[in-house]
C-alpha atoms as a PDB file:
ATOM      1  CA  MET A   1     209.033  76.345 175.365  1.00  0.00           C
ATOM      2  CA  ARG A   2     206.466  74.241 177.532  1.00  0.00           C
ATOM      3  CA  ILE A   3     208.616  71.505 179.222  1.00  0.00           C
ATOM      4  CA  HIS A   4     207.379  68.886 181.774  1.00  0.00           C
ATOM      5  CA  ALA A   5     210.141  67.066 183.759  1.00  0.00           C
ATOM      6  CA  VAL A   6     210.020  63.873 185.609  1.00  0.00           C
ATOM      7  CA  ILE A   7     212.608  63.156 188.446  1.00  0.00           C
ATOM      8  CA  ASN A   8     213.360  59.816 189.631  1.00  0.00           C
ATOM      9  CA  ARG A   9     213.517  60.561 193.964  1.00  0.00           C
ATOM     10  CA  LYS A  10     215.622  57.117 194.215  1.00  0.00           C
ATOM     11  CA  ALA A  11     218.095  58.121 191.498  1.00  0.00           C
ATOM     12  CA  GLY A  12     221.609  57.271 192.045  1.00  0.00           C
ATOM     13  CA  SER A  13     223.206  60.352 192.219  1.00  0.00           C
ATOM     14  CA  ALA A  14     220.178  62.230 193.665  1.00  0.00           C
ATOM     15  CA  LEU A  15     221.058  60.602 196.946  1.00  0.00           C
ATOM     16  CA  GLY A  16     223.810  62.756 197.991  1.00  0.00           C
ATOM     17  CA  TYR A  17     221.384  66.177 197.333  1.00  0.00           C
ATOM     18  CA  SER A  18     217.915  67.237 198.500  1.00  0.00           C
ATOM     19  CA  VAL A  19     215.596  65.675 195.717  1.00  0.00           C
ATOM     20  CA  GLU A  20     213.454  68.818 196.576  1.00  0.00           C
ATOM     21  CA  GLN A  21     216.400  71.611 196.450  1.00  0.00           C
ATOM     22  CA  LEU A  22     217.213  70.118 193.706  1.00  0.00           C
ATOM     23  CA  ALA A  23     213.768  70.417 191.279  1.00  0.00           C
ATOM     24  CA  SER A  24     213.111  74.007 192.477  1.00  0.00           C
ATOM     25  CA  GLU A  25     216.493  74.981 190.594  1.00  0.00           C
ATOM     26  CA  ALA A  26     215.638  73.174 188.055  1.00  0.00           C
ATOM     27  CA  GLU A  27     212.603  74.907 187.645  1.00  0.00           C
ATOM     28  CA  ALA A  28     214.124  77.974 188.093  1.00  0.00           C
ATOM     29  CA  ALA A  29     216.933  76.961 185.300  1.00  0.00           C
ATOM     30  CA  PHE A  30     214.707  76.609 183.311  1.00  0.00           C
ATOM     31  CA  LYS A  31     212.153  79.499 183.951  1.00  0.00           C
ATOM     32  CA  GLU A  32     215.116  81.769 184.031  1.00  0.00           C
ATOM     33  CA  ALA A  33     216.041  80.450 180.168  1.00  0.00           C
ATOM     34  CA  GLY A  34     212.496  81.635 179.359  1.00  0.00           C
ATOM     35  CA  HIS A  35     210.654  78.008 179.798  1.00  0.00           C
ATOM     36  CA  GLU A  36     206.853  76.903 180.579  1.00  0.00           C
ATOM     37  CA  MET A  37     207.938  74.325 183.137  1.00  0.00           C
ATOM     38  CA  GLU A  38     205.903  71.832 184.868  1.00  0.00           C
ATOM     39  CA  LEU A  39     207.890  69.379 187.078  1.00  0.00           C
ATOM     40  CA  HIS A  40     206.991  66.074 189.277  1.00  0.00           C
ATOM     41  CA  VAL A  41     209.532  63.982 191.679  1.00  0.00           C
ATOM     42  CA  VAL A  42     208.125  60.722 191.977  1.00  0.00           C
ATOM     43  CA  GLU A  43     209.013  56.723 193.295  1.00  0.00           C
ATOM     44  CA  PRO A  44     210.696  54.366 191.260  1.00  0.00           C
ATOM     45  CA  GLU A  45     207.552  52.267 190.854  1.00  0.00           C
ATOM     46  CA  ASP A  46     205.277  55.580 189.714  1.00  0.00           C
ATOM     47  CA  ILE A  47     207.617  56.148 186.754  1.00  0.00           C
ATOM     48  CA  GLU A  48     206.073  54.736 183.868  1.00  0.00           C
ATOM     49  CA  ALA A  49     202.512  56.297 184.638  1.00  0.00           C
ATOM     50  CA  ALA A  50     204.356  60.061 185.426  1.00  0.00           C
ATOM     51  CA  LEU A  51     205.724  59.366 181.860  1.00  0.00           C
ATOM     52  CA  ASP A  52     203.268  58.921 180.340  1.00  0.00           C
ATOM     53  CA  GLU A  53     201.207  61.808 181.762  1.00  0.00           C
ATOM     54  CA  ALA A  54     203.662  63.718 180.961  1.00  0.00           C
ATOM     55  CA  VAL A  55     203.727  62.617 177.203  1.00  0.00           C
ATOM     56  CA  ALA A  56     199.328  63.048 177.343  1.00  0.00           C
ATOM     57  CA  ALA A  57     200.011  66.812 177.905  1.00  0.00           C
ATOM     58  CA  ALA A  58     201.967  66.670 174.791  1.00  0.00           C
ATOM     59  CA  PRO A  59     205.211  69.462 175.740  1.00  0.00           C
ATOM     60  CA  ASP A  60     208.335  70.848 173.242  1.00  0.00           C
ATOM     61  CA  ILE A  61     210.622  68.996 175.729  1.00  0.00           C
ATOM     62  CA  LEU A  62     210.483  65.711 178.147  1.00  0.00           C
ATOM     63  CA  VAL A  63     213.164  65.914 180.552  1.00  0.00           C
ATOM     64  CA  ALA A  64     213.745  62.506 182.600  1.00  0.00           C
ATOM     65  CA  GLY A  65     215.869  62.812 185.224  1.00  0.00           C
ATOM     66  CA  GLY A  66     217.725  59.384 186.419  1.00  0.00           C
ATOM     67  CA  GLY A  67     219.591  56.889 185.427  1.00  0.00           C
ATOM     68  CA  ASP A  68     219.783  54.999 181.875  1.00  0.00           C
ATOM     69  CA  GLY A  69     216.977  52.929 182.505  1.00  0.00           C
ATOM     70  CA  THR A  70     214.494  56.072 183.771  1.00  0.00           C
ATOM     71  CA  ILE A  71     216.075  57.621 180.361  1.00  0.00           C
ATOM     72  CA  ARG A  72     215.750  54.230 178.186  1.00  0.00           C
ATOM     73  CA  CYS A  73     212.449  54.234 179.460  1.00  0.00           C
ATOM     74  CA  ALA A  74     211.567  57.727 178.913  1.00  0.00           C
ATOM     75  CA  ALA A  75     212.695  57.540 175.418  1.00  0.00           C
ATOM     76  CA  SER A  76     210.354  54.480 174.046  1.00  0.00           C
ATOM     77  CA  ARG A  77     207.605  56.611 174.464  1.00  0.00           C
ATOM     78  CA  LEU A  78     208.842  59.376 172.418  1.00  0.00           C
ATOM     79  CA  LEU A  79     210.153  57.412 169.658  1.00  0.00           C
ATOM     80  CA  GLY A  80     208.879  59.407 166.308  1.00  0.00           C
ATOM     81  CA  SER A  81     207.492  61.901 167.703  1.00  0.00           C
ATOM     82  CA  GLU A  82     207.822  65.613 168.094  1.00  0.00           C
ATOM     83  CA  ILE A  83     208.640  65.574 171.768  1.00  0.00           C
ATOM     84  CA  ALA A  84     212.202  65.623 172.568  1.00  0.00           C
ATOM     85  CA  LEU A  85     214.159  64.064 175.300  1.00  0.00           C
ATOM     86  CA  SER A  86     216.229  66.137 177.962  1.00  0.00           C
ATOM     87  CA  VAL A  87     218.751  64.060 180.391  1.00  0.00           C
ATOM     88  CA  LEU A  88     219.304  64.969 183.978  1.00  0.00           C
ATOM     89  CA  PRO A  89     222.140  62.360 184.739  1.00  0.00           C
ATOM     90  CA  LEU A  90     221.179  61.487 188.143  1.00  0.00           C
ATOM     91  CA  GLY A  91     222.532  57.779 187.414  1.00  0.00           C
ATOM     92  CA  THR A  92     225.261  55.770 188.577  1.00  0.00           C
ATOM     93  CA  VAL A  93     226.927  55.814 185.485  1.00  0.00           C
ATOM     94  CA  ASN A  94     224.830  58.274 182.415  1.00  0.00           C
ATOM     95  CA  ARG A  95     226.378  56.081 179.407  1.00  0.00           C
ATOM     96  CA  LEU A  96     224.057  58.716 177.287  1.00  0.00           C
ATOM     97  CA  ALA A  97     224.561  62.364 179.160  1.00  0.00           C
ATOM     98  CA  HIS A  98     228.003  61.751 178.337  1.00  0.00           C
ATOM     99  CA  ASP A  99     227.808  61.261 174.875  1.00  0.00           C
ATOM    100  CA  LEU A 100     225.217  64.400 174.564  1.00  0.00           C
ATOM    101  CA  SER A 101     228.561  65.693 176.732  1.00  0.00           C
ATOM    102  CA  ILE A 102     226.131  66.626 179.166  1.00  0.00           C
ATOM    103  CA  PRO A 103     228.043  67.324 182.658  1.00  0.00           C
ATOM    104  CA  MET A 104     227.585  64.991 185.768  1.00  0.00           C
ATOM    105  CA  GLU A 105     227.226  67.408 188.152  1.00  0.00           C
ATOM    106  CA  PRO A 106     223.376  67.553 188.458  1.00  0.00           C
ATOM    107  CA  ARG A 107     223.490  71.872 188.400  1.00  0.00           C
ATOM    108  CA  ALA A 108     226.194  72.198 185.358  1.00  0.00           C
ATOM    109  CA  ALA A 109     223.678  70.099 183.827  1.00  0.00           C
ATOM    110  CA  LEU A 110     220.487  72.141 184.441  1.00  0.00           C
ATOM    111  CA  ARG A 111     222.868  75.179 183.440  1.00  0.00           C
ATOM    112  CA  ALA A 112     223.485  73.301 180.065  1.00  0.00           C
ATOM    113  CA  LEU A 113     220.219  72.084 179.130  1.00  0.00           C
ATOM    114  CA  ALA A 114     218.465  75.452 180.140  1.00  0.00           C
ATOM    115  CA  SER A 115     220.694  76.640 176.784  1.00  0.00           C
ATOM    116  CA  GLY A 116     220.431  73.132 174.875  1.00  0.00           C
ATOM    117  CA  VAL A 117     219.663  72.536 171.263  1.00  0.00           C
ATOM    118  CA  TYR A 118     217.520  70.040 169.087  1.00  0.00           C
ATOM    119  CA  ARG A 119     219.333  66.628 168.119  1.00  0.00           C
ATOM    120  CA  GLU A 120     218.111  64.118 166.371  1.00  0.00           C
ATOM    121  CA  ILE A 121     219.481  60.812 167.240  1.00  0.00           C
ATOM    122  CA  ASP A 122     219.859  56.983 166.655  1.00  0.00           C
ATOM    123  CA  VAL A 123     217.947  53.919 169.038  1.00  0.00           C
ATOM    124  CA  ALA A 124     218.961  50.933 168.529  1.00  0.00           C
ATOM    125  CA  GLU A 125     216.369  47.470 169.259  1.00  0.00           C
ATOM    126  CA  VAL A 126     216.960  43.797 169.983  1.00  0.00           C
ATOM    127  CA  ASN A 127     214.141  41.687 169.544  1.00  0.00           C
ATOM    128  CA  GLY A 128     211.337  44.720 169.972  1.00  0.00           C
ATOM    129  CA  GLU A 129     213.042  46.145 173.104  1.00  0.00           C
ATOM    130  CA  ILE A 130     214.948  49.355 172.021  1.00  0.00           C
ATOM    131  CA  PHE A 131     218.365  50.557 174.293  1.00  0.00           C
ATOM    132  CA  LEU A 132     220.231  54.198 173.527  1.00  0.00           C
ATOM    133  CA  CYS A 133     223.574  52.930 174.380  1.00  0.00           C
ATOM    134  CA  ASN A 134     224.532  49.047 174.203  1.00  0.00           C
ATOM    135  CA  SER A 135     223.016  45.848 174.417  1.00  0.00           C
ATOM    136  CA  MET A 136     225.221  43.497 176.867  1.00  0.00           C
ATOM    137  CA  LEU A 137     225.424  39.813 176.646  1.00  0.00           C
ATOM    138  CA  GLY A 138     227.063  36.754 179.225  1.00  0.00           C
ATOM    139  CA  LEU A 139     229.187  38.155 182.047  1.00  0.00           C
ATOM    140  CA  PRO A 140     227.784  41.997 181.860  1.00  0.00           C
ATOM    141  CA  SER A 141     224.714  40.900 181.982  1.00  0.00           C
ATOM    142  CA  GLU A 142     224.984  39.582 185.744  1.00  0.00           C
ATOM    143  CA  ILE A 143     226.917  42.202 187.129  1.00  0.00           C
ATOM    144  CA  SER A 144     223.748  44.299 186.136  1.00  0.00           C
ATOM    145  CA  GLN A 145     221.176  41.900 187.511  1.00  0.00           C
ATOM    146  CA  GLU A 146     223.454  41.844 190.754  1.00  0.00           C
ATOM    147  CA  ARG A 147     223.435  45.913 190.380  1.00  0.00           C
ATOM    148  CA  GLN A 148     219.884  46.040 190.501  1.00  0.00           C
ATOM    149  CA  ASN A 149     219.978  43.529 193.608  1.00  0.00           C
ATOM    150  CA  LEU A 150     221.794  45.756 195.319  1.00  0.00           C
ATOM    151  CA  ARG A 151     219.996  48.873 194.682  1.00  0.00           C
ATOM    152  CA  GLY A 152     218.544  50.699 197.835  1.00  0.00           C
ATOM    153  CA  ARG A 153     220.727  48.626 200.065  1.00  0.00           C
ATOM    154  CA  PRO A 154     222.531  50.174 203.136  1.00  0.00           C
ATOM    155  CA  PHE A 155     225.430  51.213 202.821  1.00  0.00           C
ATOM    156  CA  TRP A 156     227.810  48.585 204.375  1.00  0.00           C
ATOM    157  CA  PRO A 157     225.418  45.331 202.778  1.00  0.00           C
ATOM    158  CA  ARG A 158     226.097  47.088 199.278  1.00  0.00           C
ATOM    159  CA  VAL A 159     229.936  47.522 199.621  1.00  0.00           C
ATOM    160  CA  GLY A 160     229.856  43.431 200.970  1.00  0.00           C
ATOM    161  CA  GLY A 161     227.560  42.719 197.930  1.00  0.00           C
ATOM    162  CA  TYR A 162     229.772  44.810 195.408  1.00  0.00           C
ATOM    163  CA  LEU A 163     232.907  42.578 197.349  1.00  0.00           C
ATOM    164  CA  ARG A 164     231.321  39.814 196.259  1.00  0.00           C
ATOM    165  CA  LEU A 165     230.510  40.509 192.341  1.00  0.00           C
ATOM    166  CA  LEU A 166     234.122  41.810 192.091  1.00  0.00           C
ATOM    167  CA  ARG A 167     235.248  37.684 193.024  1.00  0.00           C
ATOM    168  CA  THR A 168     232.768  36.641 190.940  1.00  0.00           C
ATOM    169  CA  ILE A 169     234.303  38.338 188.217  1.00  0.00           C
ATOM    170  CA  VAL A 170     237.276  37.124 188.620  1.00  0.00           C
ATOM    171  CA  ALA A 171     236.846  33.977 188.785  1.00  0.00           C
ATOM    172  CA  SER A 172     233.764  33.751 186.227  1.00  0.00           C
ATOM    173  CA  ARG A 173     234.323  31.091 183.192  1.00  0.00           C
ATOM    174  CA  ARG A 174     231.221  30.710 181.663  1.00  0.00           C
ATOM    175  CA  HIS A 175     231.067  31.143 178.011  1.00  0.00           C
ATOM    176  CA  LEU A 176     228.565  32.006 175.504  1.00  0.00           C
ATOM    177  CA  GLU A 177     228.672  29.632 172.096  1.00  0.00           C
ATOM    178  CA  LEU A 178     227.157  32.443 169.578  1.00  0.00           C
ATOM    179  CA  SER A 179     226.595  32.535 165.643  1.00  0.00           C
ATOM    180  CA  ILE A 180     226.746  36.094 164.074  1.00  0.00           C
ATOM    181  CA  ASP A 181     225.508  37.229 161.272  1.00  0.00           C
ATOM    182  CA  GLY A 182     226.409  40.823 160.591  1.00  0.00           C
ATOM    183  CA  ASP A 183     226.662  42.314 156.638  1.00  0.00           C
ATOM    184  CA  GLU A 184     229.370  40.135 155.939  1.00  0.00           C
ATOM    185  CA  LYS A 185     228.463  37.046 154.206  1.00  0.00           C
ATOM    186  CA  LYS A 186     229.993  34.798 155.948  1.00  0.00           C
ATOM    187  CA  SER A 187     228.594  33.622 159.753  1.00  0.00           C
ATOM    188  CA  ARG A 188     231.132  34.157 162.693  1.00  0.00           C
ATOM    189  CA  ARG A 189     230.877  31.491 164.894  1.00  0.00           C
ATOM    190  CA  VAL A 190     232.505  32.298 168.752  1.00  0.00           C
ATOM    191  CA  ARG A 191     233.134  31.508 172.373  1.00  0.00           C
ATOM    192  CA  VAL A 192     233.157  34.263 174.167  1.00  0.00           C
ATOM    193  CA  LEU A 193     232.847  35.534 177.491  1.00  0.00           C
ATOM    194  CA  SER A 194     231.187  38.761 177.182  1.00  0.00           C
ATOM    195  CA  LEU A 195     229.868  40.295 174.219  1.00  0.00           C
ATOM    196  CA  ALA A 196     228.216  43.960 173.923  1.00  0.00           C
ATOM    197  CA  VAL A 197     226.244  45.199 171.211  1.00  0.00           C
ATOM    198  CA  SER A 198     226.543  49.250 170.923  1.00  0.00           C
ATOM    199  CA  ASN A 199     224.606  51.818 169.197  1.00  0.00           C
ATOM    200  CA  ASN A 200     226.286  53.226 166.480  1.00  0.00           C
ATOM    201  CA  VAL A 201     230.674  52.451 167.396  1.00  0.00           C
ATOM    202  CA  TYR A 202     232.955  53.541 170.285  1.00  0.00           C
ATOM    203  CA  LYS A 203     235.590  55.533 169.983  1.00  0.00           C
ATOM    204  CA  ARG A 204     238.974  54.204 170.438  1.00  0.00           C
ATOM    205  CA  GLU A 205     240.493  56.242 172.341  1.00  0.00           C
ATOM    206  CA  PRO A 206     241.470  56.646 176.100  1.00  0.00           C
ATOM    207  CA  SER A 207     238.836  56.996 178.391  1.00  0.00           C
ATOM    208  CA  LEU A 208     237.166  55.298 181.376  1.00  0.00           C
ATOM    209  CA  ILE A 209     233.603  54.960 180.493  1.00  0.00           C
ATOM    210  CA  PHE A 210     233.402  54.273 176.677  1.00  0.00           C
ATOM    211  CA  THR A 211     232.246  57.491 174.726  1.00  0.00           C
ATOM    212  CA  ARG A 212     230.704  56.574 170.969  1.00  0.00           C
ATOM    213  CA  GLU A 213     231.887  58.316 167.348  1.00  0.00           C
ATOM    214  CA  ALA A 214     228.739  59.563 166.551  1.00  0.00           C
ATOM    215  CA  LEU A 215     225.025  58.651 167.297  1.00  0.00           C
ATOM    216  CA  ASP A 216     223.473  59.646 164.457  1.00  0.00           C
ATOM    217  CA  GLN A 217     225.453  57.668 161.637  1.00  0.00           C
ATOM    218  CA  GLY A 218     222.966  54.184 161.683  1.00  0.00           C
ATOM    219  CA  THR A 219     225.692  51.531 162.652  1.00  0.00           C
ATOM    220  CA  LEU A 220     225.881  49.107 165.002  1.00  0.00           C
ATOM    221  CA  GLY A 221     229.071  47.990 167.195  1.00  0.00           C
ATOM    222  CA  VAL A 222     229.789  44.625 168.183  1.00  0.00           C
ATOM    223  CA  TYR A 223     232.439  43.963 170.551  1.00  0.00           C
ATOM    224  CA  MET A 224     233.041  39.961 172.032  1.00  0.00           C
ATOM    225  CA  ALA A 225     235.476  39.776 174.484  1.00  0.00           C
ATOM    226  CA  LYS A 226     236.787  36.102 174.254  1.00  0.00           C
ATOM    227  CA  SER A 227     239.057  35.838 177.664  1.00  0.00           C
ATOM    228  CA  HIS A 228     239.195  33.344 179.255  1.00  0.00           C
ATOM    229  CA  SER A 229     238.207  34.109 182.137  1.00  0.00           C
ATOM    230  CA  GLY A 230     236.826  37.286 184.475  1.00  0.00           C
ATOM    231  CA  LEU A 231     240.176  38.000 185.050  1.00  0.00           C
ATOM    232  CA  GLY A 232     241.263  38.156 181.699  1.00  0.00           C
ATOM    233  CA  LEU A 233     237.771  40.612 180.607  1.00  0.00           C
ATOM    234  CA  LEU A 234     238.925  42.738 182.948  1.00  0.00           C
ATOM    235  CA  TRP A 235     242.631  42.805 181.575  1.00  0.00           C
ATOM    236  CA  VAL A 236     240.798  43.488 177.849  1.00  0.00           C
ATOM    237  CA  LEU A 237     238.746  46.153 179.151  1.00  0.00           C
ATOM    238  CA  ALA A 238     242.317  47.671 180.703  1.00  0.00           C
ATOM    239  CA  ARG A 239     243.579  47.862 177.241  1.00  0.00           C
ATOM    240  CA  ALA A 240     240.570  49.290 175.578  1.00  0.00           C
ATOM    241  CA  ALA A 241     240.508  51.498 177.937  1.00  0.00           C
ATOM    242  CA  LEU A 242     243.648  53.040 177.710  1.00  0.00           C
ATOM    243  CA  GLY A 243     243.452  53.315 173.965  1.00  0.00           C
ATOM    244  CA  PHE A 244     244.202  49.984 173.115  1.00  0.00           C
ATOM    245  CA  TRP A 245     241.870  48.743 171.416  1.00  0.00           C
ATOM    246  CA  SER A 246     244.102  45.904 168.696  1.00  0.00           C
ATOM    247  CA  GLY A 247     246.419  43.210 168.801  1.00  0.00           C
ATOM    248  CA  ASP A 248     245.125  41.429 171.422  1.00  0.00           C
ATOM    249  CA  ASP A 249     243.435  38.219 169.469  1.00  0.00           C
ATOM    250  CA  ARG A 250     240.872  38.860 173.113  1.00  0.00           C
ATOM    251  CA  LEU A 251     239.292  40.704 171.698  1.00  0.00           C
ATOM    252  CA  ASP A 252     237.108  41.090 168.236  1.00  0.00           C
ATOM    253  CA  SER A 253     234.800  43.868 166.686  1.00  0.00           C
ATOM    254  CA  LEU A 254     232.695  44.325 163.888  1.00  0.00           C
ATOM    255  CA  SER A 255     229.882  47.066 162.516  1.00  0.00           C
ATOM    256  CA  ALA A 256     226.987  46.603 161.100  1.00  0.00           C
ATOM    257  CA  SER A 257     223.216  48.147 160.038  1.00  0.00           C
ATOM    258  CA  LYS A 258     221.915  44.730 160.858  1.00  0.00           C
ATOM    259  CA  VAL A 259     222.542  41.984 163.011  1.00  0.00           C
ATOM    260  CA  VAL A 260     220.990  37.967 164.110  1.00  0.00           C
ATOM    261  CA  ILE A 261     222.571  36.692 166.764  1.00  0.00           C
ATOM    262  CA  LYS A 262     222.177  32.699 167.046  1.00  0.00           C
ATOM    263  CA  THR A 263     222.910  30.220 169.889  1.00  0.00           C
ATOM    264  CA  ARG A 264     221.339  26.624 170.538  1.00  0.00           C
ATOM    265  CA  ARG A 265     219.016  28.399 174.240  1.00  0.00           C
ATOM    266  CA  LYS A 266     215.979  29.134 173.966  1.00  0.00           C
ATOM    267  CA  ARG A 267     216.477  32.249 175.839  1.00  0.00           C
ATOM    268  CA  LEU A 268     219.206  34.498 176.394  1.00  0.00           C
ATOM    269  CA  ARG A 269     219.838  36.800 179.804  1.00  0.00           C
ATOM    270  CA  LEU A 270     220.874  40.447 178.031  1.00  0.00           C
ATOM    271  CA  SER A 271     221.301  44.088 179.754  1.00  0.00           C
ATOM    272  CA  ASN A 272     219.824  46.676 177.635  1.00  0.00           C
ATOM    273  CA  ASP A 273     221.388  50.213 179.333  1.00  0.00           C
ATOM    274  CA  GLY A 274     221.549  48.718 182.643  1.00  0.00           C
ATOM    275  CA  GLU A 275     218.092  46.878 182.492  1.00  0.00           C
ATOM    276  CA  VAL A 276     218.404  42.830 183.142  1.00  0.00           C
ATOM    277  CA  GLU A 277     215.974  41.041 180.503  1.00  0.00           C
ATOM    278  CA  THR A 278     215.352  37.603 179.197  1.00  0.00           C
ATOM    279  CA  LEU A 279     214.524  37.303 175.557  1.00  0.00           C
ATOM    280  CA  LYS A 280     214.067  34.195 173.298  1.00  0.00           C
ATOM    281  CA  THR A 281     216.784  33.754 170.796  1.00  0.00           C
ATOM    282  CA  PRO A 282     217.420  34.680 167.395  1.00  0.00           C
ATOM    283  CA  LEU A 283     218.626  37.872 168.864  1.00  0.00           C
ATOM    284  CA  TYR A 284     217.683  40.641 166.041  1.00  0.00           C
ATOM    285  CA  TYR A 285     219.612  43.567 166.403  1.00  0.00           C
ATOM    286  CA  GLN A 286     218.506  46.801 164.636  1.00  0.00           C
ATOM    287  CA  ILE A 287     219.415  50.131 163.873  1.00  0.00           C
ATOM    288  CA  HIS A 288     216.821  53.184 163.579  1.00  0.00           C
ATOM    289  CA  PRO A 289     217.982  56.275 162.239  1.00  0.00           C
ATOM    290  CA  LYS A 290     217.639  59.189 164.100  1.00  0.00           C
ATOM    291  CA  ALA A 291     214.828  58.206 165.969  1.00  0.00           C
ATOM    292  CA  LEU A 292     215.115  60.411 168.407  1.00  0.00           C
ATOM    293  CA  ARG A 293     214.578  63.853 168.898  1.00  0.00           C
ATOM    294  CA  VAL A 294     216.711  64.917 172.180  1.00  0.00           C
ATOM    295  CA  PHE A 295     217.638  68.682 173.307  1.00  0.00           C
ATOM    296  CA  ALA A 296     220.818  68.878 174.809  1.00  0.00           C
ATOM    297  CA  PRO A 297     224.185  70.981 174.794  1.00  0.00           C
ATOM    298  CA  LEU A 298     225.300  71.545 171.572  1.00  0.00           C
ATOM    299  CA  ALA A 299     228.091  68.756 170.554  1.00  0.00           C
ATOM    300  CA  GLN A 300     231.658  69.157 170.801  1.00  0.00           C
ATOM    301  CA  GLY A 301     232.896  71.053 167.644  1.00  0.00           C
ATOM    302  CA  LYS A 302     229.926  71.506 165.907  1.00  0.00           C
END
């Protein structure tokens, strides 16, 4: 197979490696598996141009090396095409890689990807902007914005920034008044500190990183945190991470194929796969079943 790889030189976990050495190992792993590979390591500002060139070359597989933002950027160019996306996880969270059962250690990921299989997964959208994992409103978007501001800064200023961010989270009491229309006949009116819309619903089992039940069921999950403060939100998230999704009236959820979120505000700031955007309201969420072809390790249990 013909493979074209684009690696973000400044991706989070890549900072602990020689990116050039990692690129060399990537070429060796895929060539050993019998694939033809062309690879480019580029600066963040050159990612989009490099991805455009890669897609224009019409490879069988496009390997995107970076965080969730880089992966989302690559996926937006592949919707509905025969080119498959493969993920080399080099970010901080790597949500999609977790859900695709890709090892988080880059060299282990390369070995697993070199012998991968094709799958088709769903892609979600809000007002024309795609996301592969989740779209978040309220406090999470503020957190994502501050994380973006801290990227690339020296170690100690980053540490100070994250400590200030933690204090902001704990003290936050800024709520959103929303009306939510899903597949139910009646709208829900809610007052939330944060709200997340996931591309397919989350597993309700203990996990430090929320993973999804499936990637191809065509269902949006909507999770509403009604905590009074950021400290309360942390408690709700901790309970969910331990597998306690029910029995707490501060956390509500629903699932639907389409969701409309209305508010009196003309615009809302969202975090789509960790990338902050400001969109006009109402927010129209929908899901595109099996719209993205991926090349990844064989799913567990398959």
